[in-house]
Amino acid sequence: MQPALQTAEPNMWWRMIRPHTLTASFIPVFAGTAMALSAGVRADLFFAMLLASLLIQAATNMVNEYFDYVRGLDNEQSVGIGGTIVRDGVPAKTVRNLAFAFYGLAVVLGVYICAESSWWVALAGTVSILVSYLYSAGPLPISSTPFGELFSGLFMGPVIILIAYFIQTGTLDATAICVSVSLGLTIGAINLSNNIRDRDGDASHGRRTLPVLLGRPKSIGLLAAMFAAAFAWIGLLAIAGFITPWTLLVLLAVPKAVRAVRGFIGKETAVDMMPAMKSTAQLNTLFGLLLCAGFVIGFFFPA
């Protein structure tokens, strides 16, 4: 039953887009643009790409909230949701329609980006929006399968990074592709941390996420391995001379990764695991910003 509409709180709509997840959309745009500095950067394309990515991520979160409500997965006690429908009483259709409006605005921005760069971008953008929607929608949502981390890491990592790079340079190269893998891992880790937190509830609703299949201890081990791989990959690329050694600044984020992993160990309830999940999102932000800083410093002060 749809709850009665409550008096809207000033930050209700802000909570609905789950701002702590937006790092997965703006960090890849920053990274792709930072790597394109040597080719010259157009501010209009950067901001159009940034806004389009944020809109798609916000729409993804709203679609997720809508379908989780429709399927009876969310209630007033659910942890980690915006709660716009089950707690604030906003009609489910309003949330769904707002998500479609966000997709529409992203498409408009995408048309501008394509007109100023290449219409090939439209193909990647269309697939990204389709994956965003099907993550929660359809008879078998991606979020209910073991492939959530793969799809989120790929489309919010390499795909966004390479689009941001391509619209500035008009080309792709092996370096940009290789670097994008590291952020794909940290973004996939955000999804994994969310699924570790929700493991018990997902299992009770028949979902087959990675943590449901692997169990919590092995999933935490996988999270640690993804963090380690992201740091090691950038280290190897820098040591081999493929990217500026300034990118080794990402190592400053190692303590945050350790904190995120430790935050899950020994925890049993979703509430107790929330700080660890937030640390995972913060790790992606810190890792990405340090990586971007490395490319910017390397551009002005080549090693």
Protein backbone atom coordinates (compact mmCIF):
# COMPACT_ATOMS: atom_id res chain seq x y z
CA MET A 1 0.00 0.00 0.00
CA GLN A 2 1.35 3.43 -0.97
CA PRO A 3 2.03 5.49 2.21
CA ALA A 4 0.29 8.80 2.65
CA LEU A 5 2.28 11.80 1.46
CA GLN A 6 4.08 13.46 4.35
CA THR A 7 5.21 17.05 4.61
CA ALA A 8 8.29 17.27 2.42
CA GLU A 9 11.54 17.85 4.26
CA PRO A 10 13.93 20.38 2.71
CA ASN A 11 16.49 17.66 1.97
CA MET A 12 14.04 14.92 0.97
CA TRP A 13 14.70 15.24 -2.75
CA TRP A 14 18.44 15.40 -2.12
CA ARG A 15 18.34 12.15 -0.16
CA MET A 16 16.33 10.55 -2.96
CA ILE A 17 19.27 10.73 -5.39
CA ARG A 18 21.55 9.12 -2.76
CA PRO A 19 24.36 11.69 -2.97
CA HIS A 20 26.97 9.37 -1.46
CA THR A 21 26.76 7.24 -4.63
CA LEU A 22 27.38 10.12 -7.04
CA THR A 23 31.14 9.66 -6.73
CA ALA A 24 30.70 6.81 -9.23
CA SER A 25 29.56 9.33 -11.86
CA PHE A 26 31.66 12.45 -11.38
CA ILE A 27 35.04 10.85 -10.60
CA PRO A 28 35.21 9.00 -13.98
CA VAL A 29 34.43 12.25 -15.84
CA PHE A 30 37.19 14.03 -13.93
CA ALA A 31 39.63 11.19 -14.67
CA GLY A 32 38.89 11.00 -18.39
CA THR A 33 39.20 14.77 -18.72
CA ALA A 34 42.42 14.92 -16.68
CA MET A 35 44.03 12.38 -18.99
CA ALA A 36 43.00 14.50 -21.99
CA LEU A 37 44.72 17.69 -20.80
CA SER A 38 47.53 17.46 -23.34
CA ALA A 39 44.97 17.60 -26.17
CA GLY A 40 43.26 20.67 -24.77
CA VAL A 41 40.01 20.57 -22.85
CA ARG A 42 36.71 22.17 -23.85
CA ALA A 43 34.90 23.33 -20.73
CA ASP A 44 31.46 23.07 -22.34
CA LEU A 45 31.93 19.38 -23.19
CA PHE A 46 33.33 18.69 -19.73
CA PHE A 47 30.37 20.23 -17.92
CA ALA A 48 27.84 18.68 -20.30
CA MET A 49 29.38 15.25 -19.74
CA LEU A 50 29.58 15.79 -15.98
CA LEU A 51 25.93 16.83 -15.68
CA ALA A 52 24.73 14.01 -17.96
CA SER A 53 26.61 11.45 -15.86
CA LEU A 54 25.20 12.83 -12.61
CA LEU A 55 21.67 12.78 -14.05
CA ILE A 56 21.99 9.16 -15.16
CA GLN A 57 23.37 8.08 -11.79
CA ALA A 58 20.58 9.90 -9.95
CA ALA A 59 17.99 8.35 -12.29
CA THR A 60 19.51 4.92 -11.67
CA ASN A 61 19.05 5.39 -7.93
CA MET A 62 15.45 6.52 -8.37
CA VAL A 63 14.60 3.61 -10.66
CA ASN A 64 16.16 1.30 -8.08
CA GLU A 65 14.04 2.82 -5.32
CA TYR A 66 10.89 2.56 -7.45
CA PHE A 67 11.29 -1.09 -8.40
CA ASP A 68 12.46 -2.16 -4.93
CA TYR A 69 9.26 -0.61 -3.58
CA VAL A 70 7.09 -2.24 -6.25
CA ARG A 71 8.65 -5.65 -5.50
CA GLY A 72 8.18 -5.19 -1.77
CA LEU A 73 11.91 -5.13 -1.01
CA ASP A 74 11.92 -1.77 0.81
CA ASN A 75 10.15 -0.78 4.00
CA GLU A 76 10.48 2.02 6.55
CA GLN A 77 13.28 0.15 8.32
CA SER A 78 15.35 -0.45 5.17
CA VAL A 79 18.93 0.84 5.50
CA GLY A 80 20.81 2.66 2.77
CA ILE A 81 17.85 3.81 0.70
CA GLY A 82 16.66 7.34 0.01
CA GLY A 83 13.36 6.43 1.65
CA THR A 84 11.43 8.89 -0.49
CA ILE A 85 8.60 6.43 -1.10
CA VAL A 86 8.42 4.29 2.06
CA ARG A 87 9.33 6.97 4.60
CA ASP A 88 8.51 10.33 3.02
CA GLY A 89 5.31 9.20 1.32
CA VAL A 90 6.14 10.45 -2.18
CA PRO A 91 4.03 8.49 -4.72
CA ALA A 92 6.06 5.77 -6.42
CA LYS A 93 4.99 6.99 -9.86
CA THR A 94 6.36 10.44 -9.05
CA VAL A 95 9.78 8.95 -8.34
CA ARG A 96 9.63 6.88 -11.52
CA ASN A 97 8.57 9.83 -13.67
CA LEU A 98 11.27 12.02 -12.20
CA ALA A 99 13.81 9.34 -13.11
CA PHE A 100 12.54 9.39 -16.70
CA ALA A 101 12.82 13.18 -16.72
CA PHE A 102 16.44 12.91 -15.60
CA TYR A 103 17.12 10.40 -18.38
CA GLY A 104 15.52 12.82 -20.84
CA LEU A 105 17.71 15.70 -19.71
CA ALA A 106 20.77 13.46 -20.02
CA VAL A 107 19.74 12.60 -23.59
CA VAL A 108 19.45 16.30 -24.46
CA LEU A 109 22.95 16.88 -23.11
CA GLY A 110 24.11 13.80 -25.00
CA VAL A 111 22.81 15.22 -28.28
CA TYR A 112 24.85 18.37 -27.68
CA ILE A 113 27.95 16.32 -26.85
CA CYS A 114 27.52 14.23 -30.00
CA ALA A 115 26.97 17.28 -32.19
CA GLU A 116 30.21 18.78 -30.86
CA SER A 117 32.28 15.59 -30.95
CA SER A 118 31.06 12.38 -32.61
CA TRP A 119 27.75 10.60 -33.01
CA TRP A 120 29.48 7.36 -32.02
CA VAL A 121 29.13 8.67 -28.47
CA ALA A 122 25.35 8.21 -28.84
CA LEU A 123 25.80 4.43 -29.08
CA ALA A 124 27.78 4.23 -25.83
CA GLY A 125 25.40 6.64 -24.12
CA THR A 126 22.30 4.72 -25.20
CA VAL A 127 23.71 1.41 -23.95
CA SER A 128 24.69 3.07 -20.66
CA ILE A 129 21.16 4.38 -20.08
CA LEU A 130 19.69 0.99 -20.98
CA VAL A 131 21.98 -0.77 -18.49
CA SER A 132 21.13 1.90 -15.89
CA TYR A 133 17.42 1.11 -16.26
CA LEU A 134 17.78 -2.67 -16.49
CA TYR A 135 19.93 -2.71 -13.37
CA SER A 136 16.69 -2.61 -11.37
CA ALA A 137 13.96 -3.15 -13.99
CA GLY A 138 12.83 -6.09 -16.09
CA PRO A 139 11.97 -9.69 -15.23
CA LEU A 140 15.58 -10.37 -14.13
CA PRO A 141 17.21 -7.17 -12.90
CA ILE A 142 20.99 -7.03 -13.08
CA SER A 143 20.96 -6.13 -9.38
CA SER A 144 19.52 -9.57 -8.58
CA THR A 145 22.33 -11.44 -10.35
CA PRO A 146 26.04 -11.97 -9.61
CA PHE A 147 26.89 -9.46 -12.37
CA GLY A 148 25.97 -6.21 -10.63
CA GLU A 149 29.59 -5.40 -9.77
CA LEU A 150 30.72 -6.15 -13.32
CA PHE A 151 28.11 -3.94 -14.99
CA SER A 152 28.47 -1.05 -12.53
CA GLY A 153 32.26 -1.20 -12.64
CA LEU A 154 32.35 -1.35 -16.43
CA PHE A 155 29.73 1.25 -17.33
CA MET A 156 30.42 3.70 -14.51
CA GLY A 157 34.18 3.19 -14.83
CA PRO A 158 35.80 2.56 -18.22
CA VAL A 159 32.78 3.57 -20.32
CA ILE A 160 32.34 6.99 -18.71
CA ILE A 161 36.09 7.60 -18.51
CA LEU A 162 36.64 6.73 -22.15
CA ILE A 163 33.67 8.83 -23.34
CA ALA A 164 35.00 11.80 -21.34
CA TYR A 165 38.44 11.23 -22.85
CA PHE A 166 37.15 10.69 -26.39
CA ILE A 167 35.00 13.81 -26.59
CA GLN A 168 38.05 15.90 -25.71
CA THR A 169 40.65 14.14 -27.87
CA GLY A 170 38.65 12.57 -30.69
CA THR A 171 40.44 9.28 -30.13
CA LEU A 172 41.12 6.48 -27.67
CA ASP A 173 44.46 5.03 -26.67
CA ALA A 174 45.76 2.09 -24.68
CA THR A 175 46.85 4.25 -21.76
CA ALA A 176 43.38 5.66 -21.15
CA ILE A 177 41.88 2.19 -21.43
CA CYS A 178 44.38 0.74 -18.97
CA VAL A 179 43.93 3.52 -16.42
CA SER A 180 40.16 3.18 -16.59
CA VAL A 181 40.41 -0.37 -15.25
CA SER A 182 41.59 0.86 -11.85
CA LEU A 183 38.58 3.12 -11.34
CA GLY A 184 36.30 0.41 -12.66
CA LEU A 185 37.51 -1.73 -9.76
CA THR A 186 36.86 0.92 -7.10
CA ILE A 187 33.41 1.67 -8.53
CA GLY A 188 32.55 -2.02 -8.69
CA ALA A 189 33.67 -2.16 -5.06
CA ILE A 190 30.96 0.37 -4.13
CA ASN A 191 28.37 -2.00 -5.56
CA LEU A 192 29.97 -4.96 -3.80
CA SER A 193 29.97 -3.16 -0.46
CA ASN A 194 26.27 -2.37 -0.93
CA ASN A 195 25.56 -6.03 -1.64
CA ILE A 196 27.60 -7.17 1.37
CA ARG A 197 25.50 -4.90 3.56
CA ASP A 198 22.25 -6.16 2.01
CA ARG A 199 23.26 -9.82 1.79
CA ASP A 200 20.76 -11.23 4.30
CA GLY A 201 17.81 -9.29 2.91
CA ASP A 202 18.76 -10.13 -0.67
CA ALA A 203 19.01 -13.82 0.15
CA SER A 204 15.58 -13.82 1.81
CA HIS A 205 14.08 -12.31 -1.37
CA GLY A 206 15.71 -14.83 -3.69
CA ARG A 207 18.39 -12.53 -5.09
CA ARG A 208 21.62 -14.16 -6.29
CA THR A 209 24.17 -11.41 -5.76
CA LEU A 210 27.86 -12.18 -5.36
CA PRO A 211 27.76 -11.92 -1.54
CA VAL A 212 24.75 -14.25 -1.47
CA LEU A 213 26.68 -16.82 -3.51
CA LEU A 214 30.09 -16.34 -1.87
CA GLY A 215 29.08 -15.65 1.71
CA ARG A 216 30.11 -12.60 3.72
CA PRO A 217 33.74 -13.56 4.62
CA LYS A 218 34.71 -14.37 1.02
CA SER A 219 32.93 -11.26 -0.23
CA ILE A 220 34.95 -9.11 2.16
CA GLY A 221 38.07 -10.85 0.88
CA LEU A 222 37.01 -10.05 -2.69
CA LEU A 223 36.50 -6.41 -1.71
CA ALA A 224 40.03 -6.27 -0.31
CA ALA A 225 41.39 -7.92 -3.47
CA MET A 226 39.64 -5.37 -5.70
CA PHE A 227 41.15 -2.51 -3.71
CA ALA A 228 44.60 -4.11 -3.85
CA ALA A 229 44.31 -4.69 -7.60
CA ALA A 230 43.32 -1.05 -8.22
CA PHE A 231 46.36 0.28 -6.35
CA ALA A 232 48.74 -2.30 -7.80
CA TRP A 233 47.57 -1.64 -11.37
CA ILE A 234 48.26 2.09 -11.15
CA GLY A 235 51.60 1.33 -9.51
CA LEU A 236 52.59 -1.01 -12.34
CA LEU A 237 51.55 1.48 -15.03
CA ALA A 238 53.53 4.26 -13.32
CA ILE A 239 56.64 2.17 -12.71
CA ALA A 240 56.57 0.91 -16.30
CA GLY A 241 56.45 4.50 -17.52
CA PHE A 242 53.04 4.30 -19.21
CA ILE A 243 51.67 7.08 -16.98
CA THR A 244 53.24 9.86 -14.95
CA PRO A 245 54.80 8.76 -11.64
CA TRP A 246 52.74 11.52 -10.00
CA THR A 247 49.80 9.11 -10.18
CA LEU A 248 51.44 7.19 -7.34
CA LEU A 249 49.71 9.78 -5.17
CA VAL A 250 46.84 7.28 -5.10
CA LEU A 251 48.80 5.35 -2.48
CA LEU A 252 47.75 8.04 0.00
CA ALA A 253 44.29 6.47 -0.18
CA VAL A 254 45.46 3.07 1.09
CA PRO A 255 44.46 3.78 4.74
CA LYS A 256 40.91 4.54 3.61
CA ALA A 257 40.76 1.20 1.78
CA VAL A 258 41.99 -0.62 4.88
CA ARG A 259 39.38 1.15 6.98
CA ALA A 260 36.62 0.15 4.57
CA VAL A 261 37.57 -3.52 4.66
CA ARG A 262 38.02 -3.60 8.43
CA GLY A 263 34.66 -1.91 8.81
CA PHE A 264 32.92 -5.00 7.43
CA ILE A 265 34.80 -7.59 9.47
CA GLY A 266 32.77 -8.96 12.35
CA LYS A 267 29.69 -6.90 11.51
CA GLU A 268 26.35 -8.66 11.16
CA THR A 269 23.68 -5.97 10.74
CA ALA A 270 23.12 -3.55 7.88
CA VAL A 271 23.26 -0.58 10.23
CA ASP A 272 26.65 -1.64 11.58
CA MET A 273 28.00 -1.99 8.05
CA MET A 274 26.89 1.44 6.84
CA PRO A 275 30.14 3.19 7.92
CA ALA A 276 32.17 0.63 5.95
CA MET A 277 30.02 1.15 2.86
CA LYS A 278 30.45 4.91 3.16
CA SER A 279 34.21 4.42 3.49
CA THR A 280 34.16 2.43 0.25
CA ALA A 281 32.46 5.30 -1.58
CA GLN A 282 34.91 7.74 0.01
CA LEU A 283 37.78 5.53 -1.11
CA ASN A 284 36.60 5.80 -4.71
CA THR A 285 36.41 9.59 -4.37
CA LEU A 286 39.84 9.92 -2.76
CA PHE A 287 41.48 7.44 -5.13
CA GLY A 288 39.97 9.17 -8.15
CA LEU A 289 40.83 12.70 -7.04
CA LEU A 290 44.42 11.71 -6.25
CA LEU A 291 44.68 10.01 -9.63
CA CYS A 292 43.38 13.14 -11.36
CA ALA A 293 45.76 15.30 -9.33
CA GLY A 294 48.61 13.09 -10.49
CA PHE A 295 47.72 13.62 -14.15
CA VAL A 296 47.26 17.36 -13.68
CA ILE A 297 50.59 17.75 -11.85
CA GLY A 298 52.26 15.53 -14.44
CA PHE A 299 50.91 17.74 -17.21
CA PHE A 300 52.40 20.92 -15.72
CA PHE A 301 55.50 19.30 -14.24
CA PRO A 302 56.51 16.31 -16.41
CA ALA A 303 58.74 13.88 -14.53
